[in-house]
Amino acid sequence: MHQAGPMNFLRTLLIILLVYYVFKFLVKLFAPHLMRKAVEKMQKKYSKQYQASKKPDVKVGETVIDKKPNKKDGSNDSVGEYIDFEEID
């Protein structure tokens, strides 16, 4: 069985520092590659979404009529009447 002592503490501290610096080195080494892959994946996703949302191509000589939706112009009379007021000091 191991006993607690200053050498075991220093050994544990050295292992923790070694793991930290190795992890930090590996992150610097692989982070650009992982970020590039993530950006490419997002570009593909948004490109696919954009292609799906485009209107279908119109053939030459074909007539296309787009109808505008019916809009109610004017104000909504069911809201009520506007009343001006003045503040009194």
PDB file of N, CA and C in Angstrom:
ATOM      1  N   MET A   1       0.839  -1.168   0.000  1.00  0.00           N
ATOM      2  CA  MET A   1       0.000   0.000   0.000  1.00  0.00           C
ATOM      3  C   MET A   1       0.888   1.236   0.000  1.00  0.00           C
ATOM      4  N   HIS A   2       0.479   2.268  -0.765  1.00  0.00           N
ATOM      5  CA  HIS A   2       1.256   3.497  -0.868  1.00  0.00           C
ATOM      6  C   HIS A   2       0.900   4.436   0.273  1.00  0.00           C
ATOM      7  N   GLN A   3       1.915   5.135   0.715  1.00  0.00           N
ATOM      8  CA  GLN A   3       1.700   6.110   1.778  1.00  0.00           C
ATOM      9  C   GLN A   3       1.733   7.510   1.176  1.00  0.00           C
ATOM     10  N   ALA A   4       0.976   8.394   1.787  1.00  0.00           N
ATOM     11  CA  ALA A   4       0.970   9.774   1.335  1.00  0.00           C
ATOM     12  C   ALA A   4       2.291  10.414   1.737  1.00  0.00           C
ATOM     13  N   GLY A   5       2.855  11.138   0.788  1.00  0.00           N
ATOM     14  CA  GLY A   5       4.126  11.793   1.074  1.00  0.00           C
ATOM     15  C   GLY A   5       4.406  12.842   0.034  1.00  0.00           C
ATOM     16  N   PRO A   6       5.454  13.609   0.240  1.00  0.00           N
ATOM     17  CA  PRO A   6       5.751  14.684  -0.704  1.00  0.00           C
ATOM     18  C   PRO A   6       6.152  14.162  -2.088  1.00  0.00           C
ATOM     19  N   MET A   7       6.789  13.004  -2.168  1.00  0.00           N
ATOM     20  CA  MET A   7       7.188  12.463  -3.465  1.00  0.00           C
ATOM     21  C   MET A   7       5.970  12.015  -4.273  1.00  0.00           C
ATOM     22  N   ASN A   8       5.028  11.392  -3.619  1.00  0.00           N
ATOM     23  CA  ASN A   8       3.804  10.969  -4.316  1.00  0.00           C
ATOM     24  C   ASN A   8       2.990  12.180  -4.776  1.00  0.00           C
ATOM     25  N   PHE A   9       2.975  13.232  -3.970  1.00  0.00           N
ATOM     26  CA  PHE A   9       2.275  14.451  -4.341  1.00  0.00           C
ATOM     27  C   PHE A   9       2.924  15.086  -5.567  1.00  0.00           C
ATOM     28  N   LEU A  10       4.246  15.185  -5.555  1.00  0.00           N
ATOM     29  CA  LEU A  10       4.961  15.757  -6.699  1.00  0.00           C
ATOM     30  C   LEU A  10       4.772  14.912  -7.955  1.00  0.00           C
ATOM     31  N   ARG A  11       4.772  13.604  -7.787  1.00  0.00           N
ATOM     32  CA  ARG A  11       4.558  12.704  -8.931  1.00  0.00           C
ATOM     33  C   ARG A  11       3.162  12.895  -9.523  1.00  0.00           C
ATOM     34  N   THR A  12       2.153  13.017  -8.679  1.00  0.00           N
ATOM     35  CA  THR A  12       0.789  13.239  -9.133  1.00  0.00           C
ATOM     36  C   THR A  12       0.669  14.592  -9.823  1.00  0.00           C
ATOM     37  N   LEU A  13       1.286  15.611  -9.249  1.00  0.00           N
ATOM     38  CA  LEU A  13       1.265  16.945  -9.842  1.00  0.00           C
ATOM     39  C   LEU A  13       1.959  16.947 -11.207  1.00  0.00           C
ATOM     40  N   LEU A  14       3.070  16.236 -11.329  1.00  0.00           N
ATOM     41  CA  LEU A  14       3.785  16.133 -12.596  1.00  0.00           C
ATOM     42  C   LEU A  14       2.935  15.416 -13.648  1.00  0.00           C
ATOM     43  N   ILE A  15       2.242  14.375 -13.274  1.00  0.00           N
ATOM     44  CA  ILE A  15       1.367  13.649 -14.209  1.00  0.00           C
ATOM     45  C   ILE A  15       0.233  14.553 -14.686  1.00  0.00           C
ATOM     46  N   ILE A  16      -0.369  15.314 -13.774  1.00  0.00           N
ATOM     47  CA  ILE A  16      -1.453  16.219 -14.145  1.00  0.00           C
ATOM     48  C   ILE A  16      -0.952  17.275 -15.118  1.00  0.00           C
ATOM     49  N   LEU A  17       0.208  17.865 -14.845  1.00  0.00           N
ATOM     50  CA  LEU A  17       0.767  18.869 -15.744  1.00  0.00           C
ATOM     51  C   LEU A  17       1.118  18.276 -17.104  1.00  0.00           C
ATOM     52  N   LEU A  18       1.658  17.075 -17.112  1.00  0.00           N
ATOM     53  CA  LEU A  18       2.010  16.409 -18.365  1.00  0.00           C
ATOM     54  C   LEU A  18       0.759  16.149 -19.208  1.00  0.00           C
ATOM     55  N   VAL A  19      -0.299  15.653 -18.588  1.00  0.00           N
ATOM     56  CA  VAL A  19      -1.546  15.395 -19.304  1.00  0.00           C
ATOM     57  C   VAL A  19      -2.121  16.707 -19.841  1.00  0.00           C
ATOM     58  N   TYR A  20      -2.054  17.771 -19.052  1.00  0.00           N
ATOM     59  CA  TYR A  20      -2.571  19.071 -19.487  1.00  0.00           C
ATOM     60  C   TYR A  20      -1.836  19.574 -20.725  1.00  0.00           C
ATOM     61  N   TYR A  21      -0.511  19.536 -20.696  1.00  0.00           N
ATOM     62  CA  TYR A  21       0.254  20.055 -21.834  1.00  0.00           C
ATOM     63  C   TYR A  21       0.143  19.164 -23.068  1.00  0.00           C
ATOM     64  N   VAL A  22       0.029  17.860 -22.893  1.00  0.00           N
ATOM     65  CA  VAL A  22      -0.173  16.973 -24.041  1.00  0.00           C
ATOM     66  C   VAL A  22      -1.536  17.246 -24.663  1.00  0.00           C
ATOM     67  N   PHE A  23      -2.556  17.412 -23.847  1.00  0.00           N
ATOM     68  CA  PHE A  23      -3.895  17.726 -24.349  1.00  0.00           C
ATOM     69  C   PHE A  23      -3.901  19.063 -25.091  1.00  0.00           C
ATOM     70  N   LYS A  24      -3.239  20.067 -24.521  1.00  0.00           N
ATOM     71  CA  LYS A  24      -3.156  21.381 -25.139  1.00  0.00           C
ATOM     72  C   LYS A  24      -2.460  21.298 -26.500  1.00  0.00           C
ATOM     73  N   PHE A  25      -1.380  20.520 -26.586  1.00  0.00           N
ATOM     74  CA  PHE A  25      -0.666  20.338 -27.843  1.00  0.00           C
ATOM     75  C   PHE A  25      -1.539  19.647 -28.887  1.00  0.00           C
ATOM     76  N   LEU A  26      -2.256  18.608 -28.476  1.00  0.00           N
ATOM     77  CA  LEU A  26      -3.113  17.880 -29.414  1.00  0.00           C
ATOM     78  C   LEU A  26      -4.266  18.745 -29.917  1.00  0.00           C
ATOM     79  N   VAL A  27      -4.807  19.596 -29.065  1.00  0.00           N
ATOM     80  CA  VAL A  27      -5.884  20.488 -29.483  1.00  0.00           C
ATOM     81  C   VAL A  27      -5.365  21.463 -30.530  1.00  0.00           C
ATOM     82  N   LYS A  28      -4.186  22.033 -30.319  1.00  0.00           N
ATOM     83  CA  LYS A  28      -3.607  22.950 -31.302  1.00  0.00           C
ATOM     84  C   LYS A  28      -3.316  22.235 -32.612  1.00  0.00           C
ATOM     85  N   LEU A  29      -2.988  20.968 -32.531  1.00  0.00           N
ATOM     86  CA  LEU A  29      -2.651  20.205 -33.721  1.00  0.00           C
ATOM     87  C   LEU A  29      -3.892  19.843 -34.537  1.00  0.00           C
ATOM     88  N   PHE A  30      -4.973  19.420 -33.885  1.00  0.00           N
ATOM     89  CA  PHE A  30      -6.150  18.913 -34.581  1.00  0.00           C
ATOM     90  C   PHE A  30      -7.317  19.895 -34.692  1.00  0.00           C
ATOM     91  N   ALA A  31      -7.312  20.995 -33.968  1.00  0.00           N
ATOM     92  CA  ALA A  31      -8.435  21.940 -33.992  1.00  0.00           C
ATOM     93  C   ALA A  31      -8.681  22.535 -35.376  1.00  0.00           C
ATOM     94  N   PRO A  32      -7.651  22.968 -36.112  1.00  0.00           N
ATOM     95  CA  PRO A  32      -7.938  23.526 -37.441  1.00  0.00           C
ATOM     96  C   PRO A  32      -8.611  22.516 -38.376  1.00  0.00           C
ATOM     97  N   HIS A  33      -8.192  21.275 -38.311  1.00  0.00           N
ATOM     98  CA  HIS A  33      -8.791  20.235 -39.151  1.00  0.00           C
ATOM     99  C   HIS A  33     -10.260  20.008 -38.767  1.00  0.00           C
ATOM    100  N   LEU A  34     -10.530  19.936 -37.481  1.00  0.00           N
ATOM    101  CA  LEU A  34     -11.904  19.720 -37.021  1.00  0.00           C
ATOM    102  C   LEU A  34     -12.804  20.913 -37.364  1.00  0.00           C
ATOM    103  N   MET A  35     -12.279  22.134 -37.242  1.00  0.00           N
ATOM    104  CA  MET A  35     -13.066  23.315 -37.577  1.00  0.00           C
ATOM    105  C   MET A  35     -13.365  23.353 -39.074  1.00  0.00           C
ATOM    106  N   ARG A  36     -12.380  22.994 -39.903  1.00  0.00           N
ATOM    107  CA  ARG A  36     -12.580  22.982 -41.344  1.00  0.00           C
ATOM    108  C   ARG A  36     -13.677  21.991 -41.723  1.00  0.00           C
ATOM    109  N   LYS A  37     -13.639  20.809 -41.099  1.00  0.00           N
ATOM    110  CA  LYS A  37     -14.673  19.801 -41.370  1.00  0.00           C
ATOM    111  C   LYS A  37     -16.054  20.307 -40.967  1.00  0.00           C
ATOM    112  N   ALA A  38     -16.147  20.978 -39.820  1.00  0.00           N
ATOM    113  CA  ALA A  38     -17.437  21.490 -39.354  1.00  0.00           C
ATOM    114  C   ALA A  38     -17.970  22.558 -40.306  1.00  0.00           C
ATOM    115  N   VAL A  39     -17.094  23.447 -40.789  1.00  0.00           N
ATOM    116  CA  VAL A  39     -17.530  24.499 -41.708  1.00  0.00           C
ATOM    117  C   VAL A  39     -17.982  23.886 -43.029  1.00  0.00           C
ATOM    118  N   GLU A  40     -17.252  22.912 -43.540  1.00  0.00           N
ATOM    119  CA  GLU A  40     -17.655  22.248 -44.784  1.00  0.00           C
ATOM    120  C   GLU A  40     -19.012  21.568 -44.638  1.00  0.00           C
ATOM    121  N   LYS A  41     -19.235  20.943 -43.494  1.00  0.00           N
ATOM    122  CA  LYS A  41     -20.511  20.265 -43.250  1.00  0.00           C
ATOM    123  C   LYS A  41     -21.660  21.273 -43.228  1.00  0.00           C
ATOM    124  N   MET A  42     -21.442  22.426 -42.569  1.00  0.00           N
ATOM    125  CA  MET A  42     -22.482  23.446 -42.514  1.00  0.00           C
ATOM    126  C   MET A  42     -22.731  24.043 -43.900  1.00  0.00           C
ATOM    127  N   GLN A  43     -21.662  24.244 -44.693  1.00  0.00           N
ATOM    128  CA  GLN A  43     -21.839  24.779 -46.038  1.00  0.00           C
ATOM    129  C   GLN A  43     -22.660  23.833 -46.897  1.00  0.00           C
ATOM    130  N   LYS A  44     -22.392  22.546 -46.801  1.00  0.00           N
ATOM    131  CA  LYS A  44     -23.160  21.564 -47.557  1.00  0.00           C
ATOM    132  C   LYS A  44     -24.624  21.586 -47.147  1.00  0.00           C
ATOM    133  N   LYS A  45     -24.863  21.684 -45.846  1.00  0.00           N
ATOM    134  CA  LYS A  45     -26.233  21.690 -45.330  1.00  0.00           C
ATOM    135  C   LYS A  45     -27.006  22.898 -45.852  1.00  0.00           C
ATOM    136  N   TYR A  46     -26.404  24.087 -45.749  1.00  0.00           N
ATOM    137  CA  TYR A  46     -27.097  25.294 -46.188  1.00  0.00           C
ATOM    138  C   TYR A  46     -27.214  25.356 -47.704  1.00  0.00           C
ATOM    139  N   SER A  47     -26.241  24.826 -48.411  1.00  0.00           N
ATOM    140  CA  SER A  47     -26.327  24.776 -49.864  1.00  0.00           C
ATOM    141  C   SER A  47     -27.477  23.871 -50.295  1.00  0.00           C
ATOM    142  N   LYS A  48     -27.599  22.735 -49.634  1.00  0.00           N
ATOM    143  CA  LYS A  48     -28.687  21.799 -49.938  1.00  0.00           C
ATOM    144  C   LYS A  48     -30.042  22.442 -49.619  1.00  0.00           C
ATOM    145  N   GLN A  49     -30.116  23.159 -48.514  1.00  0.00           N
ATOM    146  CA  GLN A  49     -31.354  23.825 -48.123  1.00  0.00           C
ATOM    147  C   GLN A  49     -31.701  24.923 -49.130  1.00  0.00           C
ATOM    148  N   TYR A  50     -30.702  25.653 -49.616  1.00  0.00           N
ATOM    149  CA  TYR A  50     -30.937  26.709 -50.591  1.00  0.00           C
ATOM    150  C   TYR A  50     -31.417  26.124 -51.911  1.00  0.00           C
ATOM    151  N   GLN A  51     -30.817  25.032 -52.336  1.00  0.00           N
ATOM    152  CA  GLN A  51     -31.219  24.405 -53.591  1.00  0.00           C
ATOM    153  C   GLN A  51     -32.663  23.894 -53.509  1.00  0.00           C
ATOM    154  N   ALA A  52     -33.058  23.410 -52.350  1.00  0.00           N
ATOM    155  CA  ALA A  52     -34.421  22.907 -52.174  1.00  0.00           C
ATOM    156  C   ALA A  52     -35.442  24.046 -52.183  1.00  0.00           C
ATOM    157  N   SER A  53     -35.025  25.235 -51.740  1.00  0.00           N
ATOM    158  CA  SER A  53     -35.971  26.342 -51.656  1.00  0.00           C
ATOM    159  C   SER A  53     -36.093  27.121 -52.963  1.00  0.00           C
ATOM    160  N   LYS A  54     -35.181  26.889 -53.906  1.00  0.00           N
ATOM    161  CA  LYS A  54     -35.268  27.599 -55.192  1.00  0.00           C
ATOM    162  C   LYS A  54     -36.502  27.161 -55.962  1.00  0.00           C
ATOM    163  N   LYS A  55     -37.034  28.081 -56.750  1.00  0.00           N
ATOM    164  CA  LYS A  55     -38.183  27.752 -57.576  1.00  0.00           C
ATOM    165  C   LYS A  55     -37.730  26.849 -58.715  1.00  0.00           C
ATOM    166  N   PRO A  56     -38.597  25.983 -59.182  1.00  0.00           N
ATOM    167  CA  PRO A  56     -38.210  25.115 -60.294  1.00  0.00           C
ATOM    168  C   PRO A  56     -37.944  25.935 -61.558  1.00  0.00           C
ATOM    169  N   ASP A  57     -37.056  25.434 -62.400  1.00  0.00           N
ATOM    170  CA  ASP A  57     -36.704  26.126 -63.636  1.00  0.00           C
ATOM    171  C   ASP A  57     -37.897  26.174 -64.588  1.00  0.00           C
ATOM    172  N   VAL A  58     -38.006  27.278 -65.307  1.00  0.00           N
ATOM    173  CA  VAL A  58     -39.084  27.459 -66.275  1.00  0.00           C
ATOM    174  C   VAL A  58     -38.526  27.163 -67.659  1.00  0.00           C
ATOM    175  N   LYS A  59     -39.254  26.355 -68.409  1.00  0.00           N
ATOM    176  CA  LYS A  59     -38.820  26.016 -69.762  1.00  0.00           C
ATOM    177  C   LYS A  59     -39.054  27.192 -70.698  1.00  0.00           C
ATOM    178  N   VAL A  60     -38.278  27.249 -71.772  1.00  0.00           N
ATOM    179  CA  VAL A  60     -38.391  28.329 -72.743  1.00  0.00           C
ATOM    180  C   VAL A  60     -39.761  28.253 -73.424  1.00  0.00           C
ATOM    181  N   GLY A  61     -40.460  29.380 -73.501  1.00  0.00           N
ATOM    182  CA  GLY A  61     -41.756  29.430 -74.146  1.00  0.00           C
ATOM    183  C   GLY A  61     -42.913  29.152 -73.207  1.00  0.00           C
ATOM    184  N   GLU A  62     -42.634  28.756 -71.983  1.00  0.00           N
ATOM    185  CA  GLU A  62     -43.696  28.444 -71.018  1.00  0.00           C
ATOM    186  C   GLU A  62     -44.097  29.720 -70.289  1.00  0.00           C
ATOM    187  N   THR A  63     -45.389  29.906 -70.093  1.00  0.00           N
ATOM    188  CA  THR A  63     -45.897  31.092 -69.415  1.00  0.00           C
ATOM    189  C   THR A  63     -46.182  30.748 -67.955  1.00  0.00           C
ATOM    190  N   VAL A  64     -45.655  31.581 -67.064  1.00  0.00           N
ATOM    191  CA  VAL A  64     -45.850  31.376 -65.632  1.00  0.00           C
ATOM    192  C   VAL A  64     -46.534  32.605 -65.071  1.00  0.00           C
ATOM    193  N   ILE A  65     -47.609  32.407 -64.315  1.00  0.00           N
ATOM    194  CA  ILE A  65     -48.348  33.502 -63.703  1.00  0.00           C
ATOM    195  C   ILE A  65     -48.288  33.317 -62.193  1.00  0.00           C
ATOM    196  N   ASP A  66     -47.665  34.272 -61.534  1.00  0.00           N
ATOM    197  CA  ASP A  66     -47.625  34.255 -60.077  1.00  0.00           C
ATOM    198  C   ASP A  66     -48.710  35.186 -59.565  1.00  0.00           C
ATOM    199  N   LYS A  67     -49.572  34.679 -58.704  1.00  0.00           N
ATOM    200  CA  LYS A  67     -50.640  35.498 -58.147  1.00  0.00           C
ATOM    201  C   LYS A  67     -50.188  36.056 -56.809  1.00  0.00           C
ATOM    202  N   LYS A  68     -50.500  37.335 -56.599  1.00  0.00           N
ATOM    203  CA  LYS A  68     -50.177  37.963 -55.335  1.00  0.00           C
ATOM    204  C   LYS A  68     -51.270  37.621 -54.331  1.00  0.00           C
ATOM    205  N   PRO A  69     -50.911  37.450 -53.071  1.00  0.00           N
ATOM    206  CA  PRO A  69     -51.936  37.159 -52.069  1.00  0.00           C
ATOM    207  C   PRO A  69     -52.832  38.374 -51.836  1.00  0.00           C
ATOM    208  N   ASN A  70     -54.069  38.106 -51.496  1.00  0.00           N
ATOM    209  CA  ASN A  70     -55.010  39.184 -51.211  1.00  0.00           C
ATOM    210  C   ASN A  70     -54.648  39.827 -49.880  1.00  0.00           C
ATOM    211  N   LYS A  71     -54.474  41.146 -49.904  1.00  0.00           N
ATOM    212  CA  LYS A  71     -54.147  41.873 -48.681  1.00  0.00           C
ATOM    213  C   LYS A  71     -55.280  42.826 -48.366  1.00  0.00           C
ATOM    214  N   LYS A  72     -55.581  42.954 -47.097  1.00  0.00           N
ATOM    215  CA  LYS A  72     -56.570  43.926 -46.680  1.00  0.00           C
ATOM    216  C   LYS A  72     -55.855  45.260 -46.508  1.00  0.00           C
ATOM    217  N   ASP A  73     -56.193  46.233 -47.334  1.00  0.00           N
ATOM    218  CA  ASP A  73     -55.621  47.563 -47.199  1.00  0.00           C
ATOM    219  C   ASP A  73     -56.504  48.380 -46.270  1.00  0.00           C
ATOM    220  N   GLY A  74     -55.885  49.252 -45.526  1.00  0.00           N
ATOM    221  CA  GLY A  74     -56.663  50.093 -44.623  1.00  0.00           C
ATOM    222  C   GLY A  74     -56.423  49.678 -43.183  1.00  0.00           C
ATOM    223  N   SER A  75     -57.103  50.354 -42.285  1.00  0.00           N
ATOM    224  CA  SER A  75     -56.907  50.077 -40.874  1.00  0.00           C
ATOM    225  C   SER A  75     -57.937  49.075 -40.369  1.00  0.00           C
ATOM    226  N   ASN A  76     -57.656  48.542 -39.249  1.00  0.00           N
ATOM    227  CA  ASN A  76     -58.551  47.586 -38.608  1.00  0.00           C
ATOM    228  C   ASN A  76     -59.522  48.378 -37.733  1.00  0.00           C
ATOM    229  N   ASP A  77     -60.778  48.423 -38.119  1.00  0.00           N
ATOM    230  CA  ASP A  77     -61.763  49.223 -37.389  1.00  0.00           C
ATOM    231  C   ASP A  77     -62.238  48.560 -36.101  1.00  0.00           C
ATOM    232  N   SER A  78     -61.952  47.313 -35.890  1.00  0.00           N
ATOM    233  CA  SER A  78     -62.435  46.626 -34.700  1.00  0.00           C
ATOM    234  C   SER A  78     -61.595  46.937 -33.464  1.00  0.00           C
ATOM    235  N   VAL A  79     -60.502  47.692 -33.634  1.00  0.00           N
ATOM    236  CA  VAL A  79     -59.624  47.990 -32.502  1.00  0.00           C
ATOM    237  C   VAL A  79     -60.250  49.025 -31.587  1.00  0.00           C
ATOM    238  N   GLY A  80     -60.804  50.053 -32.144  1.00  0.00           N
ATOM    239  CA  GLY A  80     -61.429  51.087 -31.325  1.00  0.00           C
ATOM    240  C   GLY A  80     -61.048  52.463 -31.808  1.00  0.00           C
ATOM    241  N   GLU A  81     -61.398  53.457 -31.019  1.00  0.00           N
ATOM    242  CA  GLU A  81     -61.182  54.838 -31.404  1.00  0.00           C
ATOM    243  C   GLU A  81     -59.970  55.385 -30.668  1.00  0.00           C
ATOM    244  N   TYR A  82     -59.144  56.171 -31.368  1.00  0.00           N
ATOM    245  CA  TYR A  82     -57.965  56.785 -30.758  1.00  0.00           C
ATOM    246  C   TYR A  82     -58.363  58.116 -30.159  1.00  0.00           C
ATOM    247  N   ILE A  83     -57.957  58.337 -28.915  1.00  0.00           N
ATOM    248  CA  ILE A  83     -58.304  59.582 -28.232  1.00  0.00           C
ATOM    249  C   ILE A  83     -57.023  60.265 -27.799  1.00  0.00           C
ATOM    250  N   ASP A  84     -56.850  61.538 -28.223  1.00  0.00           N
ATOM    251  CA  ASP A  84     -55.707  62.328 -27.769  1.00  0.00           C
ATOM    252  C   ASP A  84     -55.916  62.743 -26.340  1.00  0.00           C
ATOM    253  N   PHE A  85     -54.820  62.844 -25.600  1.00  0.00           N
ATOM    254  CA  PHE A  85     -54.940  63.322 -24.233  1.00  0.00           C
ATOM    255  C   PHE A  85     -53.750  64.216 -23.930  1.00  0.00           C
ATOM    256  N   GLU A  86     -53.905  65.061 -22.943  1.00  0.00           N
ATOM    257  CA  GLU A  86     -52.831  65.936 -22.493  1.00  0.00           C
ATOM    258  C   GLU A  86     -52.576  65.668 -21.037  1.00  0.00           C
ATOM    259  N   GLU A  87     -51.253  65.733 -20.687  1.00  0.00           N
ATOM    260  CA  GLU A  87     -50.913  65.561 -19.287  1.00  0.00           C
ATOM    261  C   GLU A  87     -51.141  66.854 -18.540  1.00  0.00           C
ATOM    262  N   ILE A  88     -51.648  66.728 -17.332  1.00  0.00           N
ATOM    263  CA  ILE A  88     -51.884  67.896 -16.488  1.00  0.00           C
ATOM    264  C   ILE A  88     -50.921  67.815 -15.327  1.00  0.00           C
ATOM    265  N   ASP A  89     -50.151  68.924 -15.125  1.00  0.00           N
ATOM    266  CA  ASP A  89     -49.169  68.926 -14.018  1.00  0.00           C
ATOM    267  C   ASP A  89     -49.818  69.067 -12.684  1.00  0.00           C
TER     268      ASP A  89
END
